[in-house]
Protein backbone atom coordinates (compact mmCIF):
# COMPACT_ATOMS: atom_id res chain seq x y z
CA MET A 1 -35.88 -46.30 -4.25
CA GLU A 2 -39.70 -45.88 -3.12
CA THR A 3 -38.93 -47.54 0.36
CA ALA A 4 -36.01 -45.11 0.82
CA SER A 5 -38.18 -41.98 -0.15
CA CYS A 6 -41.06 -43.36 2.32
CA ASP A 7 -38.43 -43.70 5.13
CA MET A 8 -37.10 -40.12 4.36
CA MET A 9 -40.63 -38.64 4.45
CA THR A 10 -41.39 -40.51 7.71
CA GLN A 11 -38.35 -39.15 9.47
CA VAL A 12 -39.22 -35.50 8.11
CA THR A 13 -42.79 -35.87 9.34
CA GLN A 14 -41.44 -37.13 12.77
CA LEU A 15 -39.06 -34.22 12.95
CA TRP A 16 -41.71 -31.66 12.26
CA SER A 17 -43.97 -33.20 14.85
CA MET A 18 -41.06 -33.10 17.34
CA LEU A 19 -40.71 -29.38 16.63
CA ASP A 20 -44.25 -28.35 16.76
CA GLU A 21 -44.53 -30.19 20.25
CA MET A 22 -41.34 -28.13 21.50
CA ALA A 23 -42.80 -25.00 20.22
CA GLU A 24 -45.82 -25.67 22.30
CA SER A 25 -44.57 -27.08 25.52
CA THR A 26 -41.25 -25.25 25.92
CA PRO A 27 -40.96 -22.22 23.58
CA GLU A 28 -37.81 -21.08 25.12
CA SER A 29 -35.98 -24.27 24.14
CA TYR A 30 -37.66 -24.11 20.56
CA HIS A 31 -36.39 -20.60 20.04
CA ARG A 32 -32.66 -21.47 21.34
CA PHE A 33 -32.70 -24.58 19.11
CA MET A 34 -33.81 -22.60 16.10
CA GLN A 35 -31.19 -19.89 16.82
CA GLN A 36 -28.58 -22.66 17.01
CA GLN A 37 -29.50 -23.83 13.56
CA LEU A 38 -29.47 -20.44 12.10
CA GLU A 39 -25.98 -19.76 13.44
CA ASP A 40 -24.77 -23.23 12.41
CA ALA A 41 -25.94 -22.67 8.86
CA LYS A 42 -24.34 -19.10 8.76
CA GLN A 43 -21.03 -20.47 9.83
CA TYR A 44 -21.33 -23.44 7.11
CA CYS A 45 -22.11 -20.94 4.19
CA ALA A 46 -19.12 -18.61 5.36
CA PRO A 47 -16.29 -18.55 2.74
CA PRO A 48 -12.76 -19.53 3.29
CA GLU A 49 -10.47 -16.82 4.58
CA PRO A 50 -6.68 -16.07 4.08
CA HIS A 51 -4.48 -16.98 7.17
CA LEU A 52 -1.01 -16.89 5.79
CA CYS A 53 1.07 -17.48 2.76
CA LEU A 54 4.14 -19.87 2.51
CA GLN A 55 6.88 -19.33 -0.02
CA THR A 56 9.00 -22.29 -0.87
CA HIS A 57 10.50 -23.80 -4.15
CA ILE A 58 9.63 -26.83 -6.33
CA LEU A 59 12.58 -28.79 -7.15
CA ASP A 60 11.42 -31.33 -9.46
CA PRO A 61 10.22 -31.78 -12.13
CA ASN A 62 10.56 -28.28 -13.04
CA GLU A 63 12.33 -25.81 -10.62
CA LYS A 64 10.09 -22.68 -9.60
CA SER A 65 8.62 -21.05 -6.80
CA LEU A 66 5.57 -22.25 -5.15
CA PHE A 67 2.99 -20.13 -3.08
CA ILE A 68 1.00 -22.03 -0.53
CA ASN A 69 -2.10 -20.30 0.77
CA LEU A 70 -3.20 -21.58 4.03
CA CYS A 71 -6.69 -20.70 4.59
CA ARG A 72 -9.22 -20.69 7.48
CA TRP A 73 -12.51 -22.30 6.83
CA LYS A 74 -15.19 -23.21 9.32
CA ARG A 75 -16.66 -25.85 6.98
CA VAL A 76 -13.70 -27.97 7.26
CA PRO A 77 -14.20 -30.19 10.44
CA ALA A 78 -11.63 -29.87 13.21
CA PRO A 79 -9.96 -33.30 14.19
CA LYS A 80 -11.66 -34.94 17.00
CA SER A 81 -8.73 -35.62 19.16
CA PRO A 82 -4.73 -35.08 18.52
CA THR A 83 -4.46 -38.43 17.03
CA ASP A 84 -7.32 -38.41 14.77
CA PRO A 85 -6.73 -37.22 11.14
CA ILE A 86 -6.49 -33.53 10.29
CA PRO A 87 -9.35 -32.71 7.84
CA LEU A 88 -8.32 -30.40 5.11
CA SER A 89 -9.77 -29.04 1.76
CA ALA A 90 -7.22 -28.66 -1.05
CA GLY A 91 -7.37 -26.83 -4.36
CA PRO A 92 -5.47 -27.84 -7.57
CA LEU A 93 -1.73 -26.93 -8.29
CA GLU A 94 -1.92 -23.97 -10.49
CA GLU A 95 0.76 -22.91 -12.67
CA VAL A 96 0.95 -18.99 -13.49
CA SER A 97 1.69 -19.25 -17.11
CA ASP A 98 3.47 -15.91 -17.42
CA LYS A 99 5.33 -16.03 -14.33
CA LEU A 100 7.93 -18.44 -12.95
CA TYR A 101 5.79 -19.63 -9.96
CA SER A 102 2.77 -21.80 -8.99
CA ILE A 103 0.07 -21.53 -6.45
CA ILE A 104 -2.12 -23.89 -4.36
CA ASP A 105 -4.81 -23.27 -1.75
CA ILE A 106 -5.05 -25.47 1.54
CA ALA A 107 -7.88 -24.93 3.78
CA TYR A 108 -7.98 -25.98 7.67
CA ASN A 109 -10.34 -25.67 10.30
CA PRO A 110 -9.40 -22.26 12.23
CA THR A 111 -8.81 -24.31 15.27
CA VAL A 112 -5.83 -26.11 13.54
CA LEU A 113 -4.32 -22.91 12.64
CA GLN A 114 -4.38 -21.67 15.96
CA ARG A 115 -1.02 -23.82 16.24
CA GLU A 116 0.58 -20.74 15.01
CA GLU A 117 0.83 -19.64 18.56
CA ASN A 118 3.13 -22.48 19.31
CA GLN A 119 5.86 -22.37 16.81
CA ALA A 120 6.74 -26.05 17.02
CA GLU A 121 3.31 -27.30 16.40
CA MET A 122 2.81 -24.75 13.42
CA ASP A 123 6.09 -25.93 11.84
CA HIS A 124 4.93 -29.35 12.21
CA LEU A 125 1.69 -28.80 10.42
CA ILE A 126 3.67 -26.97 7.63
CA ARG A 127 5.79 -30.09 7.35
CA LEU A 128 2.59 -32.32 6.97
CA THR A 129 1.33 -29.82 4.42
CA PHE A 130 4.36 -29.86 2.24
CA LYS A 131 4.44 -33.87 2.34
CA TYR A 132 0.79 -33.90 1.30
CA ILE A 133 1.59 -31.59 -1.62
CA GLU A 134 4.42 -33.74 -2.68
CA GLU A 135 2.61 -37.03 -2.46
CA HIS A 136 -0.51 -35.62 -3.85
CA TYR A 137 1.07 -34.07 -7.02
CA ASN A 138 4.28 -36.15 -7.35
CA ILE A 139 6.68 -33.09 -6.95
CA SER A 140 9.60 -32.51 -4.80
CA LEU A 141 9.97 -29.56 -2.69
CA SER A 142 12.52 -27.51 -0.91
CA HIS A 143 12.61 -28.03 2.90
CA SER A 144 13.35 -24.60 3.50
CA TYR A 145 10.37 -21.82 3.34
CA HIS A 146 9.53 -18.56 4.69
CA ILE A 147 6.13 -16.79 5.66
CA ALA A 148 5.26 -13.94 3.22
CA THR A 149 4.42 -10.52 4.32
CA PHE A 150 1.02 -10.95 2.50
CA THR A 151 -1.70 -13.41 3.52
CA LEU A 152 -2.73 -14.34 0.07
CA LYS A 153 -1.12 -14.93 -3.29
CA GLY A 154 -3.38 -14.19 -6.11
CA SER A 155 -7.04 -13.02 -5.90
CA LEU A 156 -9.78 -14.12 -3.30
CA LYS A 157 -12.19 -14.99 -6.27
CA ARG A 158 -9.33 -17.39 -7.66
CA MET A 159 -8.91 -18.95 -4.12
CA LYS A 160 -12.40 -19.42 -3.30
CA GLU A 161 -13.06 -21.15 -6.67
CA SER A 162 -10.05 -23.32 -6.38
CA LEU A 163 -11.26 -24.47 -2.95
CA ARG A 164 -14.88 -24.89 -4.30
CA GLY A 165 -13.69 -27.22 -7.13
CA GLY A 166 -13.65 -31.00 -6.89
CA PRO A 167 -11.01 -32.81 -5.23
CA ALA A 168 -7.76 -33.67 -7.18
CA PRO A 169 -6.82 -37.26 -7.52
CA LEU A 170 -5.67 -39.42 -4.71
CA PHE A 171 -2.00 -40.59 -4.29
CA ASN A 172 -0.45 -43.54 -2.76
CA LYS A 173 3.22 -42.88 -2.88
CA ASN A 174 4.94 -43.56 0.34
CA ILE A 175 1.86 -43.90 2.22
CA ARG A 176 1.15 -46.75 4.77
CA ASN A 177 -2.42 -46.58 4.74
CA VAL A 178 -4.95 -45.00 2.44
CA LYS A 179 -8.52 -45.18 3.13
CA SER A 180 -11.25 -43.51 0.70
CA THR A 181 -14.96 -43.58 -0.20
CA GLU A 182 -16.02 -45.21 -3.32
CA ASP A 183 -16.07 -42.12 -5.35
CA HIS A 184 -12.86 -40.80 -4.03
CA SER A 185 -14.38 -37.75 -2.77
CA ASN A 186 -12.58 -38.21 0.78
CA ALA A 187 -9.21 -39.63 1.77
CA THR A 188 -7.66 -40.31 5.02
CA LEU A 189 -3.85 -40.28 4.83
CA LEU A 190 -1.53 -41.80 7.21
CA LEU A 191 2.03 -40.53 6.69
CA ASN A 192 5.44 -42.50 7.47
CA LYS A 193 6.60 -42.03 10.87
CA ASP A 194 9.90 -40.84 9.63
CA VAL A 195 7.97 -37.61 8.34
CA THR A 196 5.96 -37.15 11.75
CA GLN A 197 7.61 -36.41 15.20
CA SER A 198 4.30 -35.85 17.20
CA LYS A 199 0.98 -37.40 17.69
CA VAL A 200 -0.52 -35.37 15.32
CA HIS A 201 0.37 -37.21 12.18
CA LEU A 202 -2.85 -37.62 10.05
CA ILE A 203 -4.28 -35.54 7.26
CA GLU A 204 -7.54 -36.19 5.97
CA GLU A 205 -8.77 -34.52 2.52
CA ILE A 206 -12.52 -33.56 2.41
CA ALA A 207 -14.50 -32.88 -0.74
CA SER A 208 -14.97 -29.07 -1.74
CA MET A 209 -18.55 -27.46 -1.49
CA GLU A 210 -20.11 -24.61 -3.09
CA LEU A 211 -19.79 -21.07 -1.80
CA PRO A 212 -21.85 -18.13 -1.70
CA GLU A 213 -22.30 -15.73 -4.77
CA GLU A 214 -19.46 -13.44 -5.12
CA ALA A 215 -19.17 -9.58 -4.48
CA ILE A 216 -18.92 -7.24 -7.55
CA ILE A 217 -16.07 -5.41 -8.63
CA PRO A 218 -15.83 -1.79 -7.89
CA ALA A 219 -14.92 1.17 -9.90
CA TYR A 220 -11.08 2.18 -9.67
CA GLU A 221 -8.34 4.26 -11.19
CA LEU A 222 -4.72 3.23 -11.38
CA THR A 223 -2.04 5.91 -12.19
CA ILE A 224 1.62 5.79 -12.18
CA ALA A 225 3.37 8.92 -10.70
CA LYS A 226 6.89 9.66 -12.38
CA ASP A 227 9.77 12.06 -11.63
CA ALA A 228 11.19 14.59 -13.97
CA ASN A 229 13.13 12.16 -15.85
CA ARG A 230 10.08 10.09 -16.53
CA LYS A 231 11.21 7.53 -13.97
CA PRO A 232 8.26 5.63 -12.11
CA LEU A 233 8.23 6.46 -8.42
CA LYS A 234 4.83 5.12 -7.04
CA ILE A 235 1.61 3.64 -8.17
CA GLU A 236 -1.61 5.19 -6.88
CA LEU A 237 -4.89 3.15 -6.78
CA LYS A 238 -8.22 4.87 -6.09
CA VAL A 239 -11.08 2.24 -5.30
CA GLU A 240 -14.85 3.58 -5.00
CA LEU A 241 -16.37 2.03 -2.21
CA PRO A 242 -19.69 3.76 -1.75
CA LYS A 243 -21.42 1.01 0.43
CA VAL A 244 -18.36 0.90 2.97
CA SER A 245 -19.04 3.04 6.03
CA SER A 246 -15.75 2.18 7.82
CA VAL A 247 -12.21 1.29 7.02
CA SER A 248 -12.50 -1.65 9.16
CA GLU A 249 -14.76 -3.28 6.72
CA CYS A 250 -11.90 -3.40 4.12
CA GLU A 251 -9.41 -6.26 3.71
CA LEU A 252 -6.19 -5.32 1.97
CA SER A 253 -3.68 -7.83 0.64
CA ILE A 254 -0.67 -6.38 -1.39
CA SER A 255 2.32 -8.35 -2.89
CA ARG A 256 5.36 -7.14 -5.20
CA ASP A 257 3.21 -7.76 -8.19
CA ASP A 258 -0.51 -7.92 -7.24
CA VAL A 259 -3.15 -6.06 -4.98
CA ILE A 260 -6.20 -7.25 -3.58
CA VAL A 261 -9.24 -5.25 -2.07
CA GLU A 262 -12.14 -7.00 -0.44
CA VAL A 263 -15.14 -5.89 1.42
CA PRO A 264 -16.91 -9.22 2.56
CA GLU A 265 -20.25 -9.65 0.57
CA LYS A 266 -19.85 -6.24 -1.06
CA TYR A 267 -16.79 -5.76 -3.21
CA LYS A 268 -13.73 -7.35 -4.21
CA LEU A 269 -10.88 -6.23 -6.75
CA GLN A 270 -7.73 -8.01 -7.55
CA LEU A 271 -5.27 -6.48 -10.02
CA ASP A 272 -1.81 -7.29 -11.47
CA LEU A 273 0.50 -4.41 -11.03
CA PRO A 274 2.41 -3.06 -14.09
CA GLU A 275 5.44 -2.56 -11.72
CA LEU A 276 6.98 -4.28 -8.88
CA VAL A 277 6.26 -2.55 -5.71
CA ASN A 278 7.49 -2.30 -2.07
CA GLU A 279 4.57 -3.78 -0.09
CA GLU A 280 5.97 -2.99 3.12
CA ALA A 281 6.34 0.82 2.31
CA THR A 282 2.59 0.69 1.02
CA THR A 283 0.17 2.90 2.63
CA ALA A 284 -3.64 3.18 2.41
CA THR A 285 -6.02 5.78 3.43
CA PHE A 286 -9.93 5.78 3.36
CA ASN A 287 -11.91 8.96 2.75
CA LYS A 288 -15.12 8.19 4.51
CA GLY A 289 -17.12 11.17 3.08
CA LYS A 290 -16.33 10.23 -0.56
CA GLY A 291 -16.20 6.35 0.10
CA VAL A 292 -12.92 6.25 -1.75
CA LEU A 293 -9.77 4.05 -0.80
CA LEU A 294 -6.39 5.48 -1.75
CA ILE A 295 -3.62 3.08 -1.77
CA THR A 296 0.08 4.40 -2.46
CA MET A 297 2.53 1.83 -3.57
CA PRO A 298 6.39 2.81 -3.90
CA ILE A 299 7.85 1.19 -7.12
CA LEU A 300 11.13 -0.71 -6.40
């Protein structure tokens, strides 16, 4: 133990000596090096972001809907080549107790999700994700799916905490090869050839890591507008965002039964709606002078 500590201190001393020498001999190179380190650290600390939400069905053991949040996360490494494993970070499979559906969060490097531009490659990635979930949680999924109109099911806080948590247990059902570290925090998964049709056929699970501190919950007011017969017509949600100067800072995600408002590093609000709403007919306006976001959601 003492030998290891001494070796580490020696390496640290050598590093600082090298930086001191660089700062004196080539200050421009030193400045570029430090700027690059700061930029890398900033990207490493950035939280995962919603990309798209898939809806499918669990067929066995209990039939119910499943929402799969595909997320972008720069902390997840990109595959080194088309034939190398595709790293991912996966949260637990969460059952929503009062609703007949489950949610799971899967994060890939942003470059992997750029396959959305190529429908065939994106569909292949989705099929791999389905296979991963089936093997990992010992469930059967429907082969059909559709991309939801919203990018995230559930709240941003729940998603970030899900991906921040520890890795789920490894699986080995119908897998030709599994390589893992001793503490099972990483796994390289090689899927059967009958599942994969292209060279990109590997998935690698990585350990989840801590995220920056969460933003605060803003003040809000939710009201239900009704007609003369007391029939609910629409839900109006007013959110006070005094630290926001432009609507471009706001991120809004709405589904039939919940709404999420987030301003990165400032605010986040997630609410379950009292009525089902038409998310496609929903409108949002931002009063810059008052710093108030007004969301109008017609009730189905």
